[in-house]
Amino acid sequence: MAAPVTPPQTPSDLPGPPRTLDRREGPYGEVVLRERAGSPGGPPVVHEIIANGCFLMDTSDGRSERLLVDAALHELPAGRQRPAVLIGGLGVGFSLARAAEQPRWGRITVVEREAAVIDWHRTGPLSAISAAALADPRSEILHTDLVAHLRTPAGPHAQGTPADEASPDRTGTDPTSAAGADTVRYDALCLDIDNGPDWTVTEDNNGLYSPAGLAACRDRLTPGGVLAVWSAQPSPAFEEALRNAGFQGVRTEEIPVVRGVPDVVHLARKGA
């Protein structure tokens, strides 16, 4: 049973500093859901996800998380019918919600390794962003580690365990566990599990951006498929790594932010 989550506070109840709503210890360390008052002109209440003391994301904006999905869809060949997208991870839900708003996607799979994050969407305050997307029959959440999922060979033994088999939002096992190799590849991978290739949340995530990790991403894509990777800052070294891994059309889209360097989405295509 999921741990209870403190009900959201109204803006008048919120002090200046963030309020901790839930704190969990898991196999990858500590994850925390916090709530704070929003800025003028923005949402009145903002939720934040903190992992091992590192700020990951919040609900104040979401433009770059939406662009992650928009850019991947735009890069796909126009004639590709009902493409399948893998979103890793769930985060605050902006990317999932965006994908569900787009009727062109045929299958929307989200990989999330933190049970707490899934709970916050299913029964907590983040459901305000993701509830409609989770109810979409195209959507599925896999409770597993993204790096392990991508590196699992195509076939009947892929990683993935049910987040909640009885849940109406179709959380479940990796589709490769019950289907052939033709169902385990995706037309787009939209990855946002770190603050970028140069700033990972846990040491294990470094493997995603290594030559072996990028090769695993390439192998999971269909011919002409798109890899989109979110980052809190540009990374010329990662662009070069993508080219070295055999990807084509490598480029970076920037999203201006109020302070500091822009958020970016790194884009690359697998050869046809």
C-alpha atoms as a PDB file:
ATOM      1  CA  MET A   1       0.000   0.000   0.000  1.00  0.00           C
ATOM      2  CA  ALA A   2       1.328   3.443  -0.880  1.00  0.00           C
ATOM      3  CA  ALA A   3       2.404   5.660   2.002  1.00  0.00           C
ATOM      4  CA  PRO A   4      -0.021   8.554   2.642  1.00  0.00           C
ATOM      5  CA  VAL A   5       0.828  11.904   1.149  1.00  0.00           C
ATOM      6  CA  THR A   6       0.095  15.126   3.026  1.00  0.00           C
ATOM      7  CA  PRO A   7      -2.774  17.008   1.316  1.00  0.00           C
ATOM      8  CA  PRO A   8      -1.705  20.119  -0.604  1.00  0.00           C
ATOM      9  CA  GLN A   9      -1.814  23.400   1.277  1.00  0.00           C
ATOM     10  CA  THR A  10      -3.522  26.545   0.050  1.00  0.00           C
ATOM     11  CA  PRO A  11      -1.200  29.437  -0.815  1.00  0.00           C
ATOM     12  CA  SER A  12      -2.193  31.315   2.356  1.00  0.00           C
ATOM     13  CA  ASP A  13      -1.047  28.314   4.434  1.00  0.00           C
ATOM     14  CA  LEU A  14       2.391  28.140   2.846  1.00  0.00           C
ATOM     15  CA  PRO A  15       5.349  29.732   4.620  1.00  0.00           C
ATOM     16  CA  GLY A  16       8.322  31.147   2.727  1.00  0.00           C
ATOM     17  CA  PRO A  17      10.482  27.996   2.773  1.00  0.00           C
ATOM     18  CA  PRO A  18       9.267  24.841   1.005  1.00  0.00           C
ATOM     19  CA  ARG A  19       7.131  22.409   3.001  1.00  0.00           C
ATOM     20  CA  THR A  20       8.040  18.702   2.882  1.00  0.00           C
ATOM     21  CA  LEU A  21       5.015  16.600   1.927  1.00  0.00           C
ATOM     22  CA  ASP A  22       6.662  13.190   1.676  1.00  0.00           C
ATOM     23  CA  ARG A  23      10.121  11.735   2.168  1.00  0.00           C
ATOM     24  CA  ARG A  24      11.119   8.182   1.167  1.00  0.00           C
ATOM     25  CA  GLU A  25      14.269   6.081   1.351  1.00  0.00           C
ATOM     26  CA  GLY A  26      14.653   3.677  -1.542  1.00  0.00           C
ATOM     27  CA  PRO A  27      17.269   1.560  -3.277  1.00  0.00           C
ATOM     28  CA  TYR A  28      18.676   4.659  -5.003  1.00  0.00           C
ATOM     29  CA  GLY A  29      18.674   6.934  -1.937  1.00  0.00           C
ATOM     30  CA  GLU A  30      16.254   9.552  -0.660  1.00  0.00           C
ATOM     31  CA  VAL A  31      13.496  11.213  -2.670  1.00  0.00           C
ATOM     32  CA  VAL A  32      11.465  14.121  -1.339  1.00  0.00           C
ATOM     33  CA  LEU A  33       8.299  15.860  -2.504  1.00  0.00           C
ATOM     34  CA  ARG A  34       8.109  19.498  -1.416  1.00  0.00           C
ATOM     35  CA  GLU A  35       5.566  22.279  -1.815  1.00  0.00           C
ATOM     36  CA  ARG A  36       6.105  26.026  -1.904  1.00  0.00           C
ATOM     37  CA  ALA A  37       4.259  29.165  -2.866  1.00  0.00           C
ATOM     38  CA  GLY A  38       4.484  30.090  -6.516  1.00  0.00           C
ATOM     39  CA  SER A  39       5.853  33.291  -7.992  1.00  0.00           C
ATOM     40  CA  PRO A  40       3.603  36.111  -9.230  1.00  0.00           C
ATOM     41  CA  GLY A  41       2.221  35.250 -12.649  1.00  0.00           C
ATOM     42  CA  GLY A  42       2.827  31.539 -12.188  1.00  0.00           C
ATOM     43  CA  PRO A  43       0.913  28.715 -10.495  1.00  0.00           C
ATOM     44  CA  PRO A  44      -0.100  29.568  -6.904  1.00  0.00           C
ATOM     45  CA  VAL A  45       1.473  26.366  -5.546  1.00  0.00           C
ATOM     46  CA  VAL A  46       4.626  24.683  -6.865  1.00  0.00           C
ATOM     47  CA  HIS A  47       5.731  21.115  -6.164  1.00  0.00           C
ATOM     48  CA  GLU A  48       9.384  20.088  -6.222  1.00  0.00           C
ATOM     49  CA  ILE A  49      11.144  16.719  -6.442  1.00  0.00           C
ATOM     50  CA  ILE A  50      14.477  16.427  -4.629  1.00  0.00           C
ATOM     51  CA  ALA A  51      16.696  13.335  -4.968  1.00  0.00           C
ATOM     52  CA  ASN A  52      19.576  12.766  -2.575  1.00  0.00           C
ATOM     53  CA  GLY A  53      19.565  16.448  -1.742  1.00  0.00           C
ATOM     54  CA  CYS A  54      19.718  17.473  -5.426  1.00  0.00           C
ATOM     55  CA  PHE A  55      16.903  19.542  -6.933  1.00  0.00           C
ATOM     56  CA  LEU A  56      15.500  17.704  -9.952  1.00  0.00           C
ATOM     57  CA  MET A  57      12.444  19.568 -11.196  1.00  0.00           C
ATOM     58  CA  ASP A  58       9.321  21.436 -10.195  1.00  0.00           C
ATOM     59  CA  THR A  59       5.902  22.330 -11.540  1.00  0.00           C
ATOM     60  CA  SER A  60       6.582  26.053 -12.029  1.00  0.00           C
ATOM     61  CA  ASP A  61       7.050  25.956 -15.804  1.00  0.00           C
ATOM     62  CA  GLY A  62       7.405  22.735 -17.808  1.00  0.00           C
ATOM     63  CA  ARG A  63       8.236  24.279 -21.202  1.00  0.00           C
ATOM     64  CA  SER A  64      11.431  22.294 -21.663  1.00  0.00           C
ATOM     65  CA  GLU A  65       9.817  19.022 -20.529  1.00  0.00           C
ATOM     66  CA  ARG A  66       7.050  19.543 -23.098  1.00  0.00           C
ATOM     67  CA  LEU A  67       9.590  20.447 -25.775  1.00  0.00           C
ATOM     68  CA  LEU A  68      11.303  17.130 -25.104  1.00  0.00           C
ATOM     69  CA  VAL A  69       8.231  15.371 -26.513  1.00  0.00           C
ATOM     70  CA  ASP A  70       7.321  17.985 -29.122  1.00  0.00           C
ATOM     71  CA  ALA A  71      10.787  17.993 -30.674  1.00  0.00           C
ATOM     72  CA  ALA A  72      10.966  14.201 -30.815  1.00  0.00           C
ATOM     73  CA  LEU A  73       7.591  13.984 -32.554  1.00  0.00           C
ATOM     74  CA  HIS A  74       8.567  16.714 -35.019  1.00  0.00           C
ATOM     75  CA  GLU A  75      11.782  14.875 -35.927  1.00  0.00           C
ATOM     76  CA  LEU A  76       9.967  11.669 -36.875  1.00  0.00           C
ATOM     77  CA  PRO A  77       9.156  11.027 -40.540  1.00  0.00           C
ATOM     78  CA  ALA A  78       5.790  12.588 -41.375  1.00  0.00           C
ATOM     79  CA  GLY A  79       4.400   9.324 -42.715  1.00  0.00           C
ATOM     80  CA  ARG A  80       5.116   7.252 -39.616  1.00  0.00           C
ATOM     81  CA  GLN A  81       1.790   6.079 -38.261  1.00  0.00           C
ATOM     82  CA  ARG A  82       1.075   5.804 -34.513  1.00  0.00           C
ATOM     83  CA  PRO A  83       4.699   5.863 -33.338  1.00  0.00           C
ATOM     84  CA  ALA A  84       5.657   4.471 -29.941  1.00  0.00           C
ATOM     85  CA  VAL A  85       7.428   6.716 -27.422  1.00  0.00           C
ATOM     86  CA  LEU A  86       9.372   5.820 -24.295  1.00  0.00           C
ATOM     87  CA  ILE A  87       9.547   8.553 -21.651  1.00  0.00           C
ATOM     88  CA  GLY A  88      12.127   8.149 -18.918  1.00  0.00           C
ATOM     89  CA  GLY A  89      11.363   9.046 -16.171  1.00  0.00           C
ATOM     90  CA  LEU A  90       7.997  10.219 -14.923  1.00  0.00           C
ATOM     91  CA  GLY A  91       9.192  13.304 -13.003  1.00  0.00           C
ATOM     92  CA  VAL A  92       6.413  15.808 -12.321  1.00  0.00           C
ATOM     93  CA  GLY A  93       4.493  14.506 -15.332  1.00  0.00           C
ATOM     94  CA  PHE A  94       4.789  17.313 -17.896  1.00  0.00           C
ATOM     95  CA  SER A  95       6.279  15.095 -20.620  1.00  0.00           C
ATOM     96  CA  LEU A  96       3.714  12.336 -20.118  1.00  0.00           C
ATOM     97  CA  ALA A  97       0.855  14.853 -20.133  1.00  0.00           C
ATOM     98  CA  ARG A  98       2.179  16.419 -23.342  1.00  0.00           C
ATOM     99  CA  ALA A  99       2.460  13.073 -25.105  1.00  0.00           C
ATOM    100  CA  ALA A 100      -1.096  12.153 -24.112  1.00  0.00           C
ATOM    101  CA  GLU A 101      -2.340  15.446 -25.584  1.00  0.00           C
ATOM    102  CA  GLN A 102      -0.929  14.452 -28.981  1.00  0.00           C
ATOM    103  CA  PRO A 103      -3.167  11.987 -30.849  1.00  0.00           C
ATOM    104  CA  ARG A 104      -0.392  10.868 -33.191  1.00  0.00           C
ATOM    105  CA  TRP A 105       1.380   8.750 -30.559  1.00  0.00           C
ATOM    106  CA  GLY A 106       0.264   5.131 -30.659  1.00  0.00           C
ATOM    107  CA  ARG A 107       1.882   3.829 -27.464  1.00  0.00           C
ATOM    108  CA  ILE A 108       3.209   5.882 -24.547  1.00  0.00           C
ATOM    109  CA  THR A 109       5.479   4.010 -22.144  1.00  0.00           C
ATOM    110  CA  VAL A 110       6.944   5.698 -19.077  1.00  0.00           C
ATOM    111  CA  VAL A 111       9.838   4.153 -17.154  1.00  0.00           C
ATOM    112  CA  GLU A 112      10.196   5.303 -13.529  1.00  0.00           C
ATOM    113  CA  ARG A 113      12.397   3.608 -10.941  1.00  0.00           C
ATOM    114  CA  GLU A 114      11.108   5.429  -7.833  1.00  0.00           C
ATOM    115  CA  ALA A 115       7.917   3.964  -6.380  1.00  0.00           C
ATOM    116  CA  ALA A 116       7.418   7.204  -4.448  1.00  0.00           C
ATOM    117  CA  VAL A 117       7.192   9.248  -7.651  1.00  0.00           C
ATOM    118  CA  ILE A 118       4.600   6.858  -9.079  1.00  0.00           C
ATOM    119  CA  ASP A 119       2.602   7.146  -5.831  1.00  0.00           C
ATOM    120  CA  TRP A 120       2.706  10.951  -5.957  1.00  0.00           C
ATOM    121  CA  HIS A 121       1.077  10.784  -9.375  1.00  0.00           C
ATOM    122  CA  ARG A 122      -1.426   8.081  -8.547  1.00  0.00           C
ATOM    123  CA  THR A 123      -2.671   9.360  -5.179  1.00  0.00           C
ATOM    124  CA  GLY A 124      -0.759  12.558  -4.451  1.00  0.00           C
ATOM    125  CA  PRO A 125      -0.730  16.177  -5.619  1.00  0.00           C
ATOM    126  CA  LEU A 126       1.063  15.456  -8.921  1.00  0.00           C
ATOM    127  CA  SER A 127      -2.104  13.760 -10.133  1.00  0.00           C
ATOM    128  CA  ALA A 128      -3.327  17.253 -11.028  1.00  0.00           C
ATOM    129  CA  ILE A 129      -0.844  17.138 -13.923  1.00  0.00           C
ATOM    130  CA  SER A 130      -0.947  13.479 -14.919  1.00  0.00           C
ATOM    131  CA  ALA A 131      -4.393  12.038 -14.094  1.00  0.00           C
ATOM    132  CA  ALA A 132      -5.826  12.432 -17.585  1.00  0.00           C
ATOM    133  CA  ALA A 133      -2.663  11.038 -19.193  1.00  0.00           C
ATOM    134  CA  LEU A 134      -2.598   8.032 -16.871  1.00  0.00           C
ATOM    135  CA  ALA A 135      -6.209   7.286 -17.795  1.00  0.00           C
ATOM    136  CA  ASP A 136      -5.323   7.327 -21.501  1.00  0.00           C
ATOM    137  CA  PRO A 137      -5.446   3.743 -22.850  1.00  0.00           C
ATOM    138  CA  ARG A 138      -2.192   4.335 -24.755  1.00  0.00           C
ATOM    139  CA  SER A 139      -0.241   5.017 -21.543  1.00  0.00           C
ATOM    140  CA  GLU A 140       1.657   2.594 -19.344  1.00  0.00           C
ATOM    141  CA  ILE A 141       4.110   3.064 -16.468  1.00  0.00           C
ATOM    142  CA  LEU A 142       6.924   0.570 -15.956  1.00  0.00           C
ATOM    143  CA  HIS A 143       8.422   0.513 -12.468  1.00  0.00           C
ATOM    144  CA  THR A 144      12.031  -0.220 -13.355  1.00  0.00           C
ATOM    145  CA  ASP A 145      15.413   1.430 -13.822  1.00  0.00           C
ATOM    146  CA  LEU A 146      15.748   3.139 -17.198  1.00  0.00           C
ATOM    147  CA  VAL A 147      19.371   2.146 -17.787  1.00  0.00           C
ATOM    148  CA  ALA A 148      18.589  -1.512 -17.052  1.00  0.00           C
ATOM    149  CA  HIS A 149      15.488  -1.385 -19.244  1.00  0.00           C
ATOM    150  CA  LEU A 150      17.377   0.007 -22.228  1.00  0.00           C
ATOM    151  CA  ARG A 151      20.227  -2.478 -21.895  1.00  0.00           C
ATOM    152  CA  THR A 152      17.966  -5.512 -21.699  1.00  0.00           C
ATOM    153  CA  PRO A 153      18.183  -7.416 -24.998  1.00  0.00           C
ATOM    154  CA  ALA A 154      15.035  -7.449 -27.096  1.00  0.00           C
ATOM    155  CA  GLY A 155      13.071 -10.585 -26.329  1.00  0.00           C
ATOM    156  CA  PRO A 156      11.045 -12.254 -23.585  1.00  0.00           C
ATOM    157  CA  HIS A 157      13.313 -11.451 -20.634  1.00  0.00           C
ATOM    158  CA  ALA A 158      13.289  -7.661 -20.520  1.00  0.00           C
ATOM    159  CA  GLN A 159      13.300  -5.776 -17.235  1.00  0.00           C
ATOM    160  CA  GLY A 160      10.187  -4.307 -15.663  1.00  0.00           C
ATOM    161  CA  THR A 161       7.894  -5.075 -12.759  1.00  0.00           C
ATOM    162  CA  PRO A 162       4.339  -4.005 -12.063  1.00  0.00           C
ATOM    163  CA  ALA A 163       4.062  -0.734 -10.192  1.00  0.00           C
ATOM    164  CA  ASP A 164       0.553  -1.797  -9.149  1.00  0.00           C
ATOM    165  CA  GLU A 165      -1.141  -4.548 -11.111  1.00  0.00           C
ATOM    166  CA  ALA A 166      -4.573  -3.477  -9.937  1.00  0.00           C
ATOM    167  CA  SER A 167      -4.115   0.177 -10.785  1.00  0.00           C
ATOM    168  CA  PRO A 168      -6.467   1.608 -13.411  1.00  0.00           C
ATOM    169  CA  ASP A 169      -3.613   3.601 -14.976  1.00  0.00           C
ATOM    170  CA  ARG A 170      -2.194   0.474 -16.608  1.00  0.00           C
ATOM    171  CA  THR A 171       1.054   0.327 -14.727  1.00  0.00           C
ATOM    172  CA  GLY A 172       2.650  -2.993 -15.502  1.00  0.00           C
ATOM    173  CA  THR A 173       5.498  -5.055 -16.777  1.00  0.00           C
ATOM    174  CA  ASP A 174       7.762  -4.354 -19.691  1.00  0.00           C
ATOM    175  CA  PRO A 175       5.777  -5.183 -22.869  1.00  0.00           C
ATOM    176  CA  THR A 176       8.648  -7.431 -23.992  1.00  0.00           C
ATOM    177  CA  SER A 177       7.750  -9.894 -21.256  1.00  0.00           C
ATOM    178  CA  ALA A 178       4.671 -10.964 -23.176  1.00  0.00           C
ATOM    179  CA  ALA A 179       5.441 -10.129 -26.767  1.00  0.00           C
ATOM    180  CA  GLY A 180       7.986 -10.572 -29.507  1.00  0.00           C
ATOM    181  CA  ALA A 181      11.020  -8.516 -30.352  1.00  0.00           C
ATOM    182  CA  ASP A 182       9.082  -6.281 -32.750  1.00  0.00           C
ATOM    183  CA  THR A 183       7.221  -4.698 -29.810  1.00  0.00           C
ATOM    184  CA  VAL A 184      10.246  -3.752 -27.696  1.00  0.00           C
ATOM    185  CA  ARG A 185      11.559  -0.999 -29.931  1.00  0.00           C
ATOM    186  CA  TYR A 186      10.416   2.592 -29.857  1.00  0.00           C
ATOM    187  CA  ASP A 187      10.163   5.308 -32.457  1.00  0.00           C
ATOM    188  CA  ALA A 188      11.270   7.911 -29.916  1.00  0.00           C
ATOM    189  CA  LEU A 189      13.147   7.916 -26.615  1.00  0.00           C
ATOM    190  CA  CYS A 190      12.504  11.039 -24.522  1.00  0.00           C
ATOM    191  CA  LEU A 191      14.906  10.865 -21.589  1.00  0.00           C
ATOM    192  CA  ASP A 192      14.938  13.153 -18.547  1.00  0.00           C
ATOM    193  CA  ILE A 193      16.321  11.325 -15.513  1.00  0.00           C
ATOM    194  CA  ASP A 194      19.169  13.696 -14.564  1.00  0.00           C
ATOM    195  CA  ASN A 195      20.074  17.356 -14.677  1.00  0.00           C
ATOM    196  CA  GLY A 196      21.921  16.412 -17.850  1.00  0.00           C
ATOM    197  CA  PRO A 197      24.694  14.161 -19.178  1.00  0.00           C
ATOM    198  CA  ASP A 198      27.257  16.109 -17.149  1.00  0.00           C
ATOM    199  CA  TRP A 199      25.236  16.199 -13.901  1.00  0.00           C
ATOM    200  CA  THR A 200      23.689  12.867 -12.968  1.00  0.00           C
ATOM    201  CA  VAL A 201      21.492  12.194  -9.946  1.00  0.00           C
ATOM    202  CA  THR A 202      23.234   8.916  -9.069  1.00  0.00           C
ATOM    203  CA  GLU A 203      26.517   7.445 -10.227  1.00  0.00           C
ATOM    204  CA  ASP A 204      24.730   4.536 -11.900  1.00  0.00           C
ATOM    205  CA  ASN A 205      23.084   6.948 -14.338  1.00  0.00           C
ATOM    206  CA  ASN A 206      26.461   7.792 -15.877  1.00  0.00           C
ATOM    207  CA  GLY A 207      26.140   4.581 -17.855  1.00  0.00           C
ATOM    208  CA  LEU A 208      23.263   6.041 -19.871  1.00  0.00           C
ATOM    209  CA  TYR A 209      25.574   8.594 -21.502  1.00  0.00           C
ATOM    210  CA  SER A 210      28.518   6.242 -22.033  1.00  0.00           C
ATOM    211  CA  PRO A 211      29.251   4.638 -25.430  1.00  0.00           C
ATOM    212  CA  ALA A 212      27.561   1.429 -24.236  1.00  0.00           C
ATOM    213  CA  GLY A 213      24.544   3.337 -22.961  1.00  0.00           C
ATOM    214  CA  LEU A 214      24.106   5.286 -26.177  1.00  0.00           C
ATOM    215  CA  ALA A 215      24.481   2.064 -28.160  1.00  0.00           C
ATOM    216  CA  ALA A 216      21.662   0.586 -26.059  1.00  0.00           C
ATOM    217  CA  CYS A 217      19.505   3.631 -26.854  1.00  0.00           C
ATOM    218  CA  ARG A 218      20.253   3.253 -30.556  1.00  0.00           C
ATOM    219  CA  ASP A 219      19.384  -0.447 -30.459  1.00  0.00           C
ATOM    220  CA  ARG A 220      16.040   0.267 -28.785  1.00  0.00           C
ATOM    221  CA  LEU A 221      15.040   2.654 -31.581  1.00  0.00           C
ATOM    222  CA  THR A 222      13.349   1.718 -34.820  1.00  0.00           C
ATOM    223  CA  PRO A 223      15.124   2.773 -38.046  1.00  0.00           C
ATOM    224  CA  GLY A 224      14.827   6.558 -38.307  1.00  0.00           C
ATOM    225  CA  GLY A 225      13.858   6.767 -34.630  1.00  0.00           C
ATOM    226  CA  VAL A 226      14.646   9.805 -32.489  1.00  0.00           C
ATOM    227  CA  LEU A 227      16.610  10.155 -29.251  1.00  0.00           C
ATOM    228  CA  ALA A 228      15.790  13.294 -27.213  1.00  0.00           C
ATOM    229  CA  VAL A 229      17.701  13.991 -23.986  1.00  0.00           C
ATOM    230  CA  TRP A 230      16.875  16.852 -21.591  1.00  0.00           C
ATOM    231  CA  SER A 231      19.687  18.792 -19.937  1.00  0.00           C
ATOM    232  CA  ALA A 232      19.950  21.811 -17.639  1.00  0.00           C
ATOM    233  CA  GLN A 233      22.788  23.133 -19.778  1.00  0.00           C
ATOM    234  CA  PRO A 234      24.314  22.580 -23.225  1.00  0.00           C
ATOM    235  CA  SER A 235      26.927  19.835 -23.540  1.00  0.00           C
ATOM    236  CA  PRO A 236      29.142  19.910 -26.649  1.00  0.00           C
ATOM    237  CA  ALA A 237      30.890  16.790 -25.338  1.00  0.00           C
ATOM    238  CA  PHE A 238      27.581  14.905 -25.313  1.00  0.00           C
ATOM    239  CA  GLU A 239      26.815  16.044 -28.857  1.00  0.00           C
ATOM    240  CA  GLU A 240      30.141  14.573 -29.929  1.00  0.00           C
ATOM    241  CA  ALA A 241      29.379  11.360 -28.022  1.00  0.00           C
ATOM    242  CA  LEU A 242      26.096  11.049 -29.926  1.00  0.00           C
ATOM    243  CA  ARG A 243      27.903  11.370 -33.250  1.00  0.00           C
ATOM    244  CA  ASN A 244      30.517   8.852 -32.171  1.00  0.00           C
ATOM    245  CA  ALA A 245      27.701   6.447 -31.257  1.00  0.00           C
ATOM    246  CA  GLY A 246      26.468   6.528 -34.850  1.00  0.00           C
ATOM    247  CA  PHE A 247      23.543   8.931 -34.492  1.00  0.00           C
ATOM    248  CA  GLN A 248      22.696  11.324 -37.308  1.00  0.00           C
ATOM    249  CA  GLY A 249      21.276  14.848 -37.379  1.00  0.00           C
ATOM    250  CA  VAL A 250      22.672  15.693 -33.939  1.00  0.00           C
ATOM    251  CA  ARG A 251      21.533  19.117 -32.755  1.00  0.00           C
ATOM    252  CA  THR A 252      20.510  21.004 -29.618  1.00  0.00           C
ATOM    253  CA  GLU A 253      17.411  23.118 -28.979  1.00  0.00           C
ATOM    254  CA  GLU A 254      17.624  25.753 -26.227  1.00  0.00           C
ATOM    255  CA  ILE A 255      14.858  26.943 -23.922  1.00  0.00           C
ATOM    256  CA  PRO A 256      15.622  30.290 -22.197  1.00  0.00           C
ATOM    257  CA  VAL A 257      15.173  30.407 -18.437  1.00  0.00           C
ATOM    258  CA  VAL A 258      14.809  33.368 -16.081  1.00  0.00           C
ATOM    259  CA  ARG A 259      18.313  33.019 -14.654  1.00  0.00           C
ATOM    260  CA  GLY A 260      21.443  31.240 -15.809  1.00  0.00           C
ATOM    261  CA  VAL A 261      22.169  29.133 -18.872  1.00  0.00           C
ATOM    262  CA  PRO A 262      19.221  27.834 -20.924  1.00  0.00           C
ATOM    263  CA  ASP A 263      17.716  24.384 -20.561  1.00  0.00           C
ATOM    264  CA  VAL A 264      18.317  22.288 -23.663  1.00  0.00           C
ATOM    265  CA  VAL A 265      17.056  19.223 -25.491  1.00  0.00           C
ATOM    266  CA  HIS A 266      19.702  17.181 -27.325  1.00  0.00           C
ATOM    267  CA  LEU A 267      18.266  15.530 -30.449  1.00  0.00           C
ATOM    268  CA  ALA A 268      19.660  12.742 -32.619  1.00  0.00           C
ATOM    269  CA  ARG A 269      18.300  10.218 -35.131  1.00  0.00           C
ATOM    270  CA  LYS A 270      19.082   6.585 -35.769  1.00  0.00           C
ATOM    271  CA  GLY A 271      19.900   5.824 -39.382  1.00  0.00           C
ATOM    272  CA  ALA A 272      17.116   4.496 -41.560  1.00  0.00           C
END
